[in-house]
Protein backbone atom coordinates (compact mmCIF):
# COMPACT_ATOMS: atom_id res chain seq x y z
CA UNK A 1 83.81 92.43 118.44
CA UNK A 2 82.01 95.20 116.59
CA UNK A 3 85.08 97.42 116.91
CA UNK A 4 87.30 94.71 115.46
CA UNK A 5 84.98 94.20 112.52
CA UNK A 6 84.91 97.93 111.85
CA UNK A 7 88.71 98.05 111.95
CA UNK A 8 88.91 95.15 109.52
CA UNK A 9 86.50 96.94 107.20
CA UNK A 10 88.59 100.10 107.30
CA UNK A 11 91.73 98.08 106.80
CA UNK A 12 90.24 96.35 103.75
CA UNK A 13 89.56 99.72 102.15
CA UNK A 14 93.12 100.87 102.87
CA UNK A 15 94.65 97.69 101.44
CA UNK A 16 92.50 97.98 98.31
CA UNK A 17 93.82 101.51 97.76
CA UNK A 18 97.40 100.47 98.54
CA UNK A 19 97.32 97.66 96.00
CA UNK A 20 96.03 100.08 93.39
CA UNK A 21 98.81 102.52 94.24
CA UNK A 22 101.44 99.84 93.85
CA UNK A 23 100.37 98.72 90.40
CA UNK A 24 98.13 101.51 89.20
CA UNK A 25 100.97 103.95 88.64
CA UNK A 26 102.15 101.67 85.85
CA UNK A 27 98.85 101.92 84.01
CA UNK A 28 99.39 105.60 83.34
CA UNK A 29 102.82 105.07 81.81
CA UNK A 30 102.16 102.45 79.16
CA UNK A 31 102.27 105.08 76.40
CA UNK A 32 104.14 108.15 77.66
CA UNK A 33 103.53 111.27 75.64
CA UNK A 34 106.62 112.09 73.58
CA UNK A 35 108.16 115.54 73.95
CA UNK A 36 108.53 117.07 70.47
CA UNK A 37 110.61 120.06 71.57
CA UNK A 38 113.57 120.41 73.92
CA UNK A 39 112.47 120.64 77.55
CA UNK A 40 114.13 122.07 80.66
CA UNK A 41 116.70 119.94 82.45
CA UNK A 42 115.60 117.35 84.99
CA UNK A 43 117.39 119.33 87.67
CA UNK A 44 115.36 122.43 86.89
CA UNK A 45 112.06 120.53 86.83
CA UNK A 46 112.94 118.34 89.82
CA UNK A 47 110.46 119.72 92.37
CA UNK A 48 107.75 120.28 89.77
CA UNK A 49 108.09 116.65 88.72
CA UNK A 50 107.72 115.47 92.31
CA UNK A 51 104.44 117.34 92.62
CA UNK A 52 103.26 115.82 89.35
CA UNK A 53 104.32 112.40 90.57
CA UNK A 54 102.32 112.70 93.76
CA UNK A 55 99.22 113.69 91.85
CA UNK A 56 99.65 110.74 89.50
CA UNK A 57 100.35 108.27 92.31
CA UNK A 58 97.41 109.20 94.50
CA UNK A 59 94.97 109.35 91.59
CA UNK A 60 96.26 106.18 89.93
CA UNK A 61 93.22 104.03 90.94
CA UNK A 62 91.10 106.20 88.63
CA UNK A 63 93.35 105.37 85.68
CA UNK A 64 93.43 101.57 85.88
CA UNK A 65 92.75 99.46 82.81
CA UNK A 66 91.37 95.98 82.29
CA UNK A 67 94.80 94.49 81.64
CA UNK A 68 95.83 95.44 85.19
CA UNK A 69 93.20 93.15 86.73
CA UNK A 70 95.18 89.85 86.63
CA UNK A 71 98.20 91.38 88.36
CA UNK A 72 96.08 93.15 90.94
CA UNK A 73 94.16 89.95 91.61
CA UNK A 74 97.35 87.94 92.11
CA UNK A 75 98.86 90.61 94.33
CA UNK A 76 95.67 90.97 96.33
CA UNK A 77 95.33 87.22 96.88
CA UNK A 78 98.96 86.88 97.96
CA UNK A 79 98.74 89.88 100.27
CA UNK A 80 95.50 88.54 101.72
CA UNK A 81 97.15 85.22 102.49
CA UNK A 82 100.03 86.97 104.20
CA UNK A 83 97.70 89.18 106.25
CA UNK A 84 95.88 86.09 107.50
CA UNK A 85 99.08 84.38 108.60
CA UNK A 86 101.29 87.35 109.54
CA UNK A 87 101.06 86.90 113.28
CA UNK A 88 101.88 83.19 113.10
CA UNK A 89 104.80 83.61 110.69
CA UNK A 90 106.10 86.60 112.63
CA UNK A 91 106.00 84.72 115.93
CA UNK A 92 107.72 81.75 114.36
CA UNK A 93 110.48 83.93 112.91
CA UNK A 94 110.97 85.54 116.33
CA UNK A 95 112.14 82.19 117.69
CA UNK A 96 115.18 82.36 115.38
CA UNK A 97 117.89 84.89 116.20
CA UNK A 98 120.94 83.65 114.33
CA UNK A 99 120.09 85.72 111.26
CA UNK A 100 119.60 89.05 113.00
CA UNK A 101 123.09 90.45 112.43
CA UNK A 102 123.09 89.53 108.73
CA UNK A 103 119.59 90.93 108.30
CA UNK A 104 120.59 94.22 109.91
CA UNK A 105 123.62 94.60 107.64
CA UNK A 106 121.65 93.79 104.46
CA UNK A 107 118.83 96.16 105.38
CA UNK A 108 121.26 99.09 105.42
CA UNK A 109 121.11 99.05 101.61
CA UNK A 110 117.43 99.98 101.80
CA UNK A 111 117.76 102.68 104.44
CA UNK A 112 117.40 106.32 103.47
CA UNK A 113 121.18 106.63 103.77
CA UNK A 114 121.81 103.61 101.56
CA UNK A 115 119.46 104.53 98.73
CA UNK A 116 120.50 108.19 98.89
CA UNK A 117 124.15 107.20 98.61
CA UNK A 118 123.38 105.05 95.58
CA UNK A 119 121.40 107.81 93.85
CA UNK A 120 124.01 110.43 94.70
CA UNK A 121 126.82 108.25 93.37
CA UNK A 122 125.09 107.79 90.03
CA UNK A 123 124.51 111.53 89.72
CA UNK A 124 127.99 112.68 90.75
CA UNK A 125 129.76 110.08 88.62
CA UNK A 126 127.51 110.97 85.70
CA UNK A 127 128.36 114.65 85.98
CA UNK A 128 132.07 114.02 86.45
CA UNK A 129 132.33 111.68 83.46
CA UNK A 130 129.70 113.44 81.30
CA UNK A 131 127.68 110.23 81.29
CA UNK A 132 124.12 111.39 80.66
CA UNK A 133 122.56 108.03 81.50
CA UNK A 134 124.24 107.80 84.91
CA UNK A 135 123.36 111.43 85.62
CA UNK A 136 119.70 110.86 84.77
CA UNK A 137 119.67 107.67 86.84
CA UNK A 138 120.80 109.65 89.87
CA UNK A 139 118.18 112.34 89.39
CA UNK A 140 115.27 109.96 88.81
CA UNK A 141 116.36 107.67 91.63
CA UNK A 142 116.37 110.63 94.02
CA UNK A 143 112.94 111.63 92.76
CA UNK A 144 111.66 108.08 93.34
CA UNK A 145 113.08 108.09 96.88
CA UNK A 146 111.21 111.28 97.75
CA UNK A 147 108.00 110.03 96.15
CA UNK A 148 108.27 106.76 98.06
CA UNK A 149 109.01 108.55 101.29
CA UNK A 150 105.91 110.72 101.01
CA UNK A 151 103.66 107.77 100.21
CA UNK A 152 105.01 105.41 102.86
CA UNK A 153 104.89 108.08 105.57
CA UNK A 154 101.24 108.81 104.81
CA UNK A 155 100.28 105.13 104.77
CA UNK A 156 102.09 104.40 108.02
CA UNK A 157 100.13 107.21 109.67
CA UNK A 158 96.87 105.84 108.28
CA UNK A 159 97.37 102.14 109.10
CA UNK A 160 99.39 102.44 112.36
CA UNK A 161 100.26 98.75 112.42
CA UNK A 162 102.24 97.38 115.36
CA UNK A 163 105.60 95.76 114.60
CA UNK A 164 106.38 92.08 115.33
CA UNK A 165 108.13 92.74 118.67
CA UNK A 166 105.56 95.05 120.28
CA UNK A 167 103.87 92.57 122.59
CA UNK A 168 100.18 91.72 122.64
CA UNK A 169 99.27 94.33 120.02
CA UNK A 170 101.73 92.96 117.46
CA UNK A 171 100.37 92.76 113.88
CA UNK A 172 97.29 94.82 114.81
CA UNK A 173 96.31 97.93 112.87
CA UNK A 174 95.29 101.35 114.19
CA UNK A 175 97.20 100.92 117.47
CA UNK A 176 99.89 103.55 116.92
CA UNK A 177 102.51 101.40 115.16
CA UNK A 178 104.54 102.03 112.02
CA UNK A 179 104.98 98.60 110.44
CA UNK A 180 102.82 98.84 107.30
CA UNK A 181 104.15 99.09 104.67
CA UNK A 182 107.91 98.53 104.82
CA UNK A 183 109.77 101.79 104.18
CA UNK A 184 113.04 100.01 103.37
CA UNK A 185 111.28 97.85 100.80
CA UNK A 186 109.48 100.66 99.00
CA UNK A 187 112.63 102.78 98.81
CA UNK A 188 114.89 99.92 97.72
CA UNK A 189 112.49 98.78 95.00
CA UNK A 190 111.78 102.28 93.70
CA UNK A 191 115.50 102.93 93.22
CA UNK A 192 116.17 99.45 91.85
CA UNK A 193 113.40 99.85 89.26
CA UNK A 194 114.77 103.18 88.06
CA UNK A 195 118.29 101.74 87.76
CA UNK A 196 117.08 98.58 86.00
CA UNK A 197 114.93 100.62 83.62
CA UNK A 198 117.77 102.98 82.73
CA UNK A 199 120.12 100.05 82.12
CA UNK A 200 117.61 97.69 80.55
CA UNK A 201 120.27 96.69 78.03
CA UNK A 202 122.59 95.54 80.83
CA UNK A 203 121.33 92.26 82.27
CA UNK A 204 123.95 92.20 85.03
CA UNK A 205 122.84 95.62 86.27
CA UNK A 206 119.20 94.54 86.32
CA UNK A 207 119.99 91.37 88.24
CA UNK A 208 122.11 93.29 90.75
CA UNK A 209 119.49 96.03 91.26
CA UNK A 210 116.52 93.71 91.74
CA UNK A 211 118.61 91.22 93.69
CA UNK A 212 119.66 93.83 96.24
CA UNK A 213 116.10 95.14 96.54
CA UNK A 214 114.78 91.61 97.07
CA UNK A 215 117.42 90.89 99.70
CA UNK A 216 116.52 94.10 101.54
CA UNK A 217 112.84 93.15 101.59
CA UNK A 218 113.54 89.67 102.95
CA UNK A 219 115.92 91.08 105.57
CA UNK A 220 113.18 93.29 106.99
CA UNK A 221 111.15 90.15 107.73
CA UNK A 222 114.03 88.01 108.97
CA UNK A 223 115.28 90.96 111.02
CA UNK A 224 111.91 91.02 112.87
CA UNK A 225 111.07 94.55 111.80
CA UNK A 226 108.15 93.75 109.47
CA UNK A 227 105.65 91.12 108.47
CA UNK A 228 105.55 89.42 105.07
CA UNK A 229 102.57 91.53 103.99
CA UNK A 230 104.46 94.70 104.91
CA UNK A 231 107.39 93.87 102.65
CA UNK A 232 105.22 92.52 99.82
CA UNK A 233 103.05 95.61 99.56
CA UNK A 234 106.05 97.91 100.09
CA UNK A 235 107.98 96.14 97.33
CA UNK A 236 105.04 96.28 94.91
CA UNK A 237 104.50 99.95 95.56
CA UNK A 238 108.20 100.72 95.20
CA UNK A 239 108.28 98.94 91.84
CA UNK A 240 105.21 100.85 90.67
CA UNK A 241 106.61 104.22 91.74
CA UNK A 242 110.01 103.57 90.16
CA UNK A 243 108.36 102.39 86.96
CA UNK A 244 106.22 105.51 86.80
CA UNK A 245 109.06 107.95 87.54
CA UNK A 246 111.27 106.47 84.82
CA UNK A 247 108.63 106.40 82.09
CA UNK A 248 107.23 109.81 82.99
CA UNK A 249 110.56 111.67 83.06
CA UNK A 250 113.11 109.68 81.07
CA UNK A 251 114.68 112.00 78.47
CA UNK A 252 115.38 110.75 74.98
CA UNK A 253 118.45 111.78 73.03
CA UNK A 254 117.59 114.94 71.08
CA UNK A 255 119.22 113.46 67.97
CA UNK A 256 116.96 110.43 68.03
CA UNK A 257 113.54 110.52 66.42
CA UNK A 258 112.61 107.05 67.64
CA UNK A 259 111.30 105.86 71.01
CA UNK A 260 113.30 105.26 74.16
CA UNK A 261 113.62 101.53 73.70
CA UNK A 262 114.42 101.87 70.02
CA UNK A 263 117.17 104.40 70.75
CA UNK A 264 118.74 102.36 73.53
CA UNK A 265 118.55 99.17 71.52
CA UNK A 266 120.27 100.85 68.57
CA UNK A 267 122.94 102.21 70.89
CA UNK A 268 123.46 98.77 72.41
CA UNK A 269 123.81 97.13 68.99
CA UNK A 270 126.27 99.81 67.87
CA UNK A 271 128.43 99.00 70.89
CA UNK A 272 128.57 95.34 69.95
CA UNK A 273 129.13 95.71 66.20
CA UNK A 274 132.28 97.11 64.58
CA UNK A 275 132.29 100.41 62.70
CA UNK A 276 133.47 99.91 59.11
CA UNK A 277 134.53 102.80 56.84
CA UNK A 278 136.43 103.07 53.54
CA UNK A 279 139.98 104.39 53.58
CA UNK A 280 141.82 105.67 50.53
CA UNK A 281 144.63 108.00 49.53
CA UNK A 282 144.66 108.85 45.85
CA UNK A 283 148.14 110.34 45.91
CA UNK A 284 149.69 107.27 47.54
CA UNK A 285 147.37 104.82 45.74
CA UNK A 286 146.33 103.29 49.06
CA UNK A 287 142.86 101.76 49.32
CA UNK A 288 141.29 99.72 52.06
CA UNK A 289 138.87 99.58 54.99
CA UNK A 290 139.09 100.70 58.60
CA UNK A 291 137.56 98.49 61.29
CA UNK A 292 136.92 99.76 64.83
CA UNK A 293 134.97 98.81 67.92
CA UNK A 294 133.66 101.17 70.60
CA UNK A 295 133.97 99.84 74.16
């Protein structure tokens, strides 16, 4: 009994830190410091940025603000409820097997191969078409994948939670398992958040990115690989990491003196509105206006 209580105490400390990691990374990025002079390319700074990310992620609890409290409270309460009922919900889900094939197929999108393929596609297409936004999306998504991988690997080693189908030790912590948190969820949400942030002026892209990430998280529970708390905390951490990576390393257009959102909003409006310019030819006595749209 004493050993169980001690394990619960240790687990409580770990969960407290995990919840801070998931949301705390956002607290540091509310007002990113603008870069007044041209900086090296994201490719050149890639590994340096990963090291900076890891420092920011692991020290994020020290940088929390008061406005983070409501979200942390809600997340903590929800996670606590899931922890208390994980074994029961996991056992109940294990009695249903009709969804296993679909869950396995959906979860591929959150595997290291799936998220890497998505990030690589953005980058290669961006380079081939000279699309700076797609290129940056690929770089930052890859950075978020590596950041998430480091964090989730460390936490799995610390918590060692048994998976739902491991017999009598299922759902227990510190027994040599690798269930907490969900790696597929943290990777899927970190990439989805980068993509949605880059294309925040494209509602369809945001819906698709978050929709796929949400489906991956659910599939890890319905596929009997994780508990609800595993996917919740993994998803929250993935969102926090993706949010941090984008706001810490997103590059503004050198021609723009405004902020990121202001620049993208102006660009979006310019795509919707026609370009109007005067047209005249003195010699031919032709006068008029030209009207053009950019698609």
